[in-house]
C-alpha atoms as a PDB file:
ATOM      1  CA  MET A   1     -75.237-232.461  -2.348  1.00  0.00           C
ATOM      2  CA  THR A   2     -74.634-228.728  -3.239  1.00  0.00           C
ATOM      3  CA  VAL A   3     -71.734-227.755  -4.995  1.00  0.00           C
ATOM      4  CA  GLY A   4     -69.728-224.025  -5.209  1.00  0.00           C
ATOM      5  CA  SER A   5     -67.307-224.328  -8.097  1.00  0.00           C
ATOM      6  CA  LEU A   6     -64.062-222.236  -7.847  1.00  0.00           C
ATOM      7  CA  PHE A   7     -61.742-221.533 -11.098  1.00  0.00           C
ATOM      8  CA  SER A   8     -64.627-223.512 -13.053  1.00  0.00           C
ATOM      9  CA  GLY A   9     -62.939-223.844 -16.409  1.00  0.00           C
ATOM     10  CA  ILE A  10     -65.847-225.228 -18.570  1.00  0.00           C
ATOM     11  CA  GLY A  11     -67.166-227.240 -15.638  1.00  0.00           C
ATOM     12  CA  GLY A  12     -65.769-230.640 -16.101  1.00  0.00           C
ATOM     13  CA  ILE A  13     -65.573-231.577 -12.833  1.00  0.00           C
ATOM     14  CA  GLU A  14     -69.142-230.444 -11.726  1.00  0.00           C
ATOM     15  CA  LEU A  15     -70.485-232.121 -14.725  1.00  0.00           C
ATOM     16  CA  GLY A  16     -69.299-235.561 -13.755  1.00  0.00           C
ATOM     17  CA  LEU A  17     -70.082-234.957  -9.993  1.00  0.00           C
ATOM     18  CA  GLU A  18     -73.806-234.295 -11.266  1.00  0.00           C
ATOM     19  CA  ARG A  19     -73.955-237.518 -13.491  1.00  0.00           C
ATOM     20  CA  THR A  20     -73.495-239.442 -10.559  1.00  0.00           C
ATOM     21  CA  GLY A  21     -76.834-238.263  -9.730  1.00  0.00           C
ATOM     22  CA  GLY A  22     -75.973-236.914  -6.074  1.00  0.00           C
ATOM     23  CA  PHE A  23     -74.999-233.303  -6.557  1.00  0.00           C
ATOM     24  CA  ARG A  24     -76.059-229.944  -7.760  1.00  0.00           C
ATOM     25  CA  THR A  25     -74.226-227.133  -8.471  1.00  0.00           C
ATOM     26  CA  ILE A  26     -75.354-223.915  -7.075  1.00  0.00           C
ATOM     27  CA  TRP A  27     -72.450-221.273  -8.518  1.00  0.00           C
ATOM     28  CA  PHE A  28     -69.593-220.885 -10.268  1.00  0.00           C
ATOM     29  CA  VAL A  29     -66.295-218.673 -10.247  1.00  0.00           C
ATOM     30  CA  GLU A  30     -64.985-218.212 -13.848  1.00  0.00           C
ATOM     31  CA  ARG A  31     -63.307-215.210 -15.187  1.00  0.00           C
ATOM     32  CA  GLU A  32     -62.628-216.674 -18.812  1.00  0.00           C
ATOM     33  CA  PRO A  33     -65.674-215.381 -21.459  1.00  0.00           C
ATOM     34  CA  TYR A  34     -65.430-218.718 -23.480  1.00  0.00           C
ATOM     35  CA  CYS A  35     -65.658-220.652 -20.368  1.00  0.00           C
ATOM     36  CA  GLN A  36     -68.368-218.542 -19.156  1.00  0.00           C
ATOM     37  CA  GLU A  37     -70.407-219.613 -22.360  1.00  0.00           C
ATOM     38  CA  VAL A  38     -69.855-222.940 -21.943  1.00  0.00           C
ATOM     39  CA  ILE A  39     -71.125-222.924 -18.216  1.00  0.00           C
ATOM     40  CA  ARG A  40     -74.701-220.979 -19.224  1.00  0.00           C
ATOM     41  CA  LYS A  41     -75.038-223.379 -22.072  1.00  0.00           C
ATOM     42  CA  HIS A  42     -75.189-226.847 -19.535  1.00  0.00           C
ATOM     43  CA  TRP A  43     -76.338-224.724 -16.294  1.00  0.00           C
ATOM     44  CA  PRO A  44     -78.542-222.218 -17.643  1.00  0.00           C
ATOM     45  CA  GLY A  45     -79.925-219.520 -14.950  1.00  0.00           C
ATOM     46  CA  ILE A  46     -76.957-220.901 -12.303  1.00  0.00           C
ATOM     47  CA  PRO A  47     -74.704-217.644 -11.110  1.00  0.00           C
ATOM     48  CA  ILE A  48     -71.383-217.081 -12.452  1.00  0.00           C
ATOM     49  CA  TYR A  49     -69.196-214.760 -10.632  1.00  0.00           C
ATOM     50  CA  SER A  50     -66.412-213.692 -12.476  1.00  0.00           C
ATOM     51  CA  ASP A  51     -63.766-212.186 -10.214  1.00  0.00           C
ATOM     52  CA  ILE A  52     -62.759-213.827  -7.150  1.00  0.00           C
ATOM     53  CA  THR A  53     -61.259-211.331  -5.309  1.00  0.00           C
ATOM     54  CA  ARG A  54     -64.475-209.358  -5.265  1.00  0.00           C
ATOM     55  CA  ILE A  55     -66.922-211.633  -3.794  1.00  0.00           C
ATOM     56  CA  ASP A  56     -68.523-211.446  -0.560  1.00  0.00           C
ATOM     57  CA  TRP A  57     -68.361-214.874   0.989  1.00  0.00           C
ATOM     58  CA  ASN A  58     -70.725-213.919   3.421  1.00  0.00           C
ATOM     59  CA  ASN A  59     -73.553-213.052   0.684  1.00  0.00           C
ATOM     60  CA  VAL A  60     -73.052-216.710  -1.065  1.00  0.00           C
ATOM     61  CA  GLU A  61     -75.241-219.674  -0.572  1.00  0.00           C
ATOM     62  CA  ARG A  62     -73.187-222.254   1.204  1.00  0.00           C
ATOM     63  CA  PRO A  63     -72.315-225.244  -0.890  1.00  0.00           C
ATOM     64  CA  GLU A  64     -71.870-228.677   0.733  1.00  0.00           C
ATOM     65  CA  VAL A  65     -68.865-229.391  -1.747  1.00  0.00           C
ATOM     66  CA  LEU A  66     -66.326-226.849  -2.385  1.00  0.00           C
ATOM     67  CA  THR A  67     -64.435-227.692  -5.799  1.00  0.00           C
ATOM     68  CA  GLY A  68     -61.775-226.118  -7.820  1.00  0.00           C
ATOM     69  CA  GLY A  69     -57.910-225.736  -8.701  1.00  0.00           C
ATOM     70  CA  PHE A  70     -56.232-222.627  -8.694  1.00  0.00           C
ATOM     71  CA  PRO A  71     -54.383-221.672 -11.337  1.00  0.00           C
ATOM     72  CA  CYS A  72     -50.804-222.998 -11.278  1.00  0.00           C
ATOM     73  CA  GLN A  73     -49.320-221.338 -14.219  1.00  0.00           C
ATOM     74  CA  ASP A  74     -46.734-219.848 -11.953  1.00  0.00           C
ATOM     75  CA  ILE A  75     -45.562-222.975 -10.241  1.00  0.00           C
ATOM     76  CA  SER A  76     -45.749-224.984 -12.935  1.00  0.00           C
ATOM     77  CA  ASN A  77     -42.292-226.538 -14.758  1.00  0.00           C
ATOM     78  CA  ALA A  78     -44.074-225.162 -18.294  1.00  0.00           C
ATOM     79  CA  GLY A  79     -44.393-221.798 -17.089  1.00  0.00           C
ATOM     80  CA  LYS A  80     -41.627-219.021 -15.972  1.00  0.00           C
ATOM     81  CA  ARG A  81     -41.679-220.266 -12.482  1.00  0.00           C
ATOM     82  CA  VAL A  82     -42.661-217.472 -10.699  1.00  0.00           C
ATOM     83  CA  GLY A  83     -43.880-218.983  -7.600  1.00  0.00           C
ATOM     84  CA  ILE A  84     -46.888-219.041  -5.677  1.00  0.00           C
ATOM     85  CA  THR A  85     -46.747-215.383  -5.163  1.00  0.00           C
ATOM     86  CA  GLY A  86     -47.406-214.836  -8.780  1.00  0.00           C
ATOM     87  CA  THR A  87     -50.515-212.861  -9.991  1.00  0.00           C
ATOM     88  CA  ARG A  88     -52.382-216.500 -10.999  1.00  0.00           C
ATOM     89  CA  SER A  89     -51.091-218.784  -8.166  1.00  0.00           C
ATOM     90  CA  SER A  90     -51.339-216.408  -5.367  1.00  0.00           C
ATOM     91  CA  LEU A  91     -55.275-216.694  -5.976  1.00  0.00           C
ATOM     92  CA  TRP A  92     -54.786-219.961  -4.027  1.00  0.00           C
ATOM     93  CA  LYS A  93     -55.429-217.368  -1.230  1.00  0.00           C
ATOM     94  CA  GLU A  94     -58.896-216.841  -2.401  1.00  0.00           C
ATOM     95  CA  TYR A  95     -59.945-220.512  -2.280  1.00  0.00           C
ATOM     96  CA  LEU A  96     -58.523-220.538   1.552  1.00  0.00           C
ATOM     97  CA  THR A  97     -60.714-217.322   1.664  1.00  0.00           C
ATOM     98  CA  ALA A  98     -63.796-219.014   0.685  1.00  0.00           C
ATOM     99  CA  ILE A  99     -63.201-222.409   2.701  1.00  0.00           C
ATOM    100  CA  ARG A 100     -62.816-220.516   6.017  1.00  0.00           C
ATOM    101  CA  ILE A 101     -65.993-218.161   5.384  1.00  0.00           C
ATOM    102  CA  LEU A 102     -68.307-221.055   3.592  1.00  0.00           C
ATOM    103  CA  ARG A 103     -66.949-224.061   5.620  1.00  0.00           C
ATOM    104  CA  PRO A 104     -68.140-226.232   3.453  1.00  0.00           C
ATOM    105  CA  LYS A 105     -68.566-230.252   4.644  1.00  0.00           C
ATOM    106  CA  TYR A 106     -65.637-231.018   1.592  1.00  0.00           C
ATOM    107  CA  ALA A 107     -63.283-229.055  -0.164  1.00  0.00           C
END
């Protein structure tokens, strides 16, 4: 199954899925440069989108599986508890937009 990865970090979820033998990652969304370097090392040539708020989901290859966990710093007990509308945690809306447009089998 093909995988699209949101808020990818260093690709841990995708690496685990691929090691099962049944998944292939077709793109990543990750803004942190260090994480992008790690992804490029393990998945050379696979597209990495850096700004989830600027992606036109109508022009992205449709994956069967959409993975990712949106940033939770604004709602975490370890954070300042700004709430779901904080600059980081409000990115869950971008995840919802991707699901609505891409319509993966699994998210």
